[in-house]
Protein backbone atom coordinates (compact mmCIF):
# COMPACT_ATOMS: atom_id res chain seq x y z
CA MET A 1 19.16 -20.29 9.22
CA ALA A 2 20.35 -18.02 6.35
CA GLY A 3 18.86 -15.73 4.00
CA PHE A 4 15.61 -14.82 2.86
CA VAL A 5 12.44 -17.11 3.89
CA LYS A 6 9.17 -16.73 1.35
CA VAL A 7 6.42 -16.37 4.10
CA ALA A 8 3.81 -15.43 2.16
CA LYS A 9 1.53 -14.27 -1.09
CA THR A 10 0.65 -10.22 -0.92
CA GLU A 11 -2.90 -11.10 -1.44
CA GLU A 12 -2.69 -13.04 1.85
CA ILE A 13 -1.92 -9.21 3.53
CA PRO A 14 -3.62 -6.81 2.31
CA GLU A 15 -3.51 -2.91 3.06
CA GLY A 16 -4.39 -2.19 6.40
CA GLY A 17 -3.69 -5.74 7.44
CA PHE A 18 -1.15 -8.04 9.20
CA LYS A 19 -0.44 -12.03 9.44
CA SER A 20 1.61 -13.32 11.95
CA PHE A 21 4.13 -16.34 11.26
CA GLU A 22 6.54 -18.79 13.16
CA VAL A 23 10.15 -19.89 11.41
CA ASP A 24 12.48 -21.94 13.27
CA PHE A 25 11.01 -21.05 16.68
CA THR A 26 10.96 -17.32 15.75
CA ARG A 27 7.69 -15.30 16.05
CA PHE A 28 7.11 -12.56 13.76
CA VAL A 29 4.82 -10.59 12.08
CA VAL A 30 4.38 -9.10 8.17
CA ALA A 31 2.40 -5.67 8.07
CA HIS A 32 1.04 -4.09 5.24
CA THR A 33 0.86 -0.87 5.72
CA PRO A 34 0.34 2.52 3.36
CA ASP A 35 4.12 2.24 3.00
CA GLY A 36 4.30 -1.14 1.89
CA TYR A 37 5.20 -4.60 4.12
CA PHE A 38 6.99 -4.59 7.20
CA ALA A 39 8.07 -7.23 9.57
CA PHE A 40 9.02 -7.48 13.41
CA ILE A 41 8.90 -9.53 16.33
CA ASP A 42 5.65 -11.12 17.12
CA GLU A 43 5.46 -9.75 20.76
CA CYS A 44 4.83 -6.51 22.65
CA THR A 45 8.27 -5.52 24.68
CA HIS A 46 6.22 -4.30 27.37
CA ASP A 47 4.88 -7.78 28.61
CA SER A 48 5.52 -10.01 25.81
CA GLU A 49 1.79 -10.23 24.61
CA PRO A 50 1.42 -11.71 20.99
CA PHE A 51 0.55 -8.89 18.71
CA GLY A 52 -1.96 -11.01 16.84
CA LYS A 53 -4.95 -9.68 18.37
CA GLY A 54 -3.51 -5.99 17.89
CA LYS A 55 -4.72 -3.45 15.75
CA LEU A 56 -2.94 -2.10 12.42
CA LYS A 57 -3.36 1.84 12.56
CA GLY A 58 -1.35 3.79 9.26
CA ASN A 59 2.39 2.70 10.46
CA GLU A 60 1.57 1.87 14.03
CA ILE A 61 1.13 -1.40 15.78
CA VAL A 62 -0.98 -1.09 19.14
CA CYS A 63 -1.06 -3.78 21.39
CA THR A 64 -3.89 -4.69 22.87
CA ARG A 65 -2.98 -5.56 26.62
CA HIS A 66 -1.85 -1.86 27.66
CA GLY A 67 -1.81 0.08 24.20
CA ALA A 68 1.54 0.42 23.55
CA ARG A 69 2.34 1.50 20.00
CA PHE A 70 5.53 0.77 18.23
CA ASP A 71 6.25 2.33 13.94
CA VAL A 72 6.40 -0.89 12.21
CA ARG A 73 8.64 0.50 9.85
CA SER A 74 11.70 0.83 12.43
CA GLY A 75 10.38 -0.86 15.27
CA ALA A 76 10.84 2.89 17.36
CA VAL A 77 8.14 2.82 20.66
CA THR A 78 5.30 5.40 19.81
CA ALA A 79 3.44 5.38 22.76
CA PRO A 80 3.86 4.10 26.31
CA PRO A 81 3.99 2.00 28.44
CA ALA A 82 6.42 -0.21 26.28
CA ILE A 83 9.88 1.58 26.59
CA VAL A 84 12.17 -1.17 24.21
CA PRO A 85 11.82 -1.34 20.63
CA LEU A 86 10.67 -3.78 18.73
CA ASP A 87 13.15 -5.84 16.44
CA THR A 88 12.37 -5.60 13.20
CA PHE A 89 13.38 -7.81 10.27
CA GLU A 90 14.34 -7.12 6.61
CA ILE A 91 11.58 -7.88 3.81
CA LYS A 92 11.15 -7.94 0.35
CA VAL A 93 8.54 -8.77 -2.41
CA GLU A 94 9.58 -10.33 -5.34
CA GLY A 95 6.62 -10.45 -7.81
CA ASP A 96 3.62 -11.69 -5.77
CA ASP A 97 6.11 -13.12 -2.72
CA ILE A 98 6.92 -11.84 0.24
CA TYR A 99 10.41 -12.70 1.64
CA VAL A 100 11.70 -12.11 5.35
CA ARG A 101 14.95 -12.29 6.72
CA LEU A 102 15.47 -14.08 9.37
CA ASP A 103 19.40 -14.28 10.26
C-alpha cells in the first residue's frame, strides 16, 4: 500500500480522544490532542498491549497494563517501563477528512 489512506472524519475523534484502526494488517491509533492529530502504532512497546483501553493525557498515551507513557507527537517514551519508542505515521487533515500514510 502506498500513500495516504482516508481513515476518519474529524468529528469522529474529538479533542482529547483517540480511535484505533486496522488497514491492511497494520493496527494504529489516531489521537486528537491540543496540538492536532497524530497517528502511531496500536501496541505498547513494553508488552504489546493495544492502546484501546489506554488514556490520552494531553500529548501522552498511557498504557493501562503497566503505565508506560509515550508522546503521541513523536512516539518518544516519557515514562517507563517501556524503553523503545512507538512507530509513528505521517498524518494530514484535508477539510474534515483524516488521512494516514502507512507506507
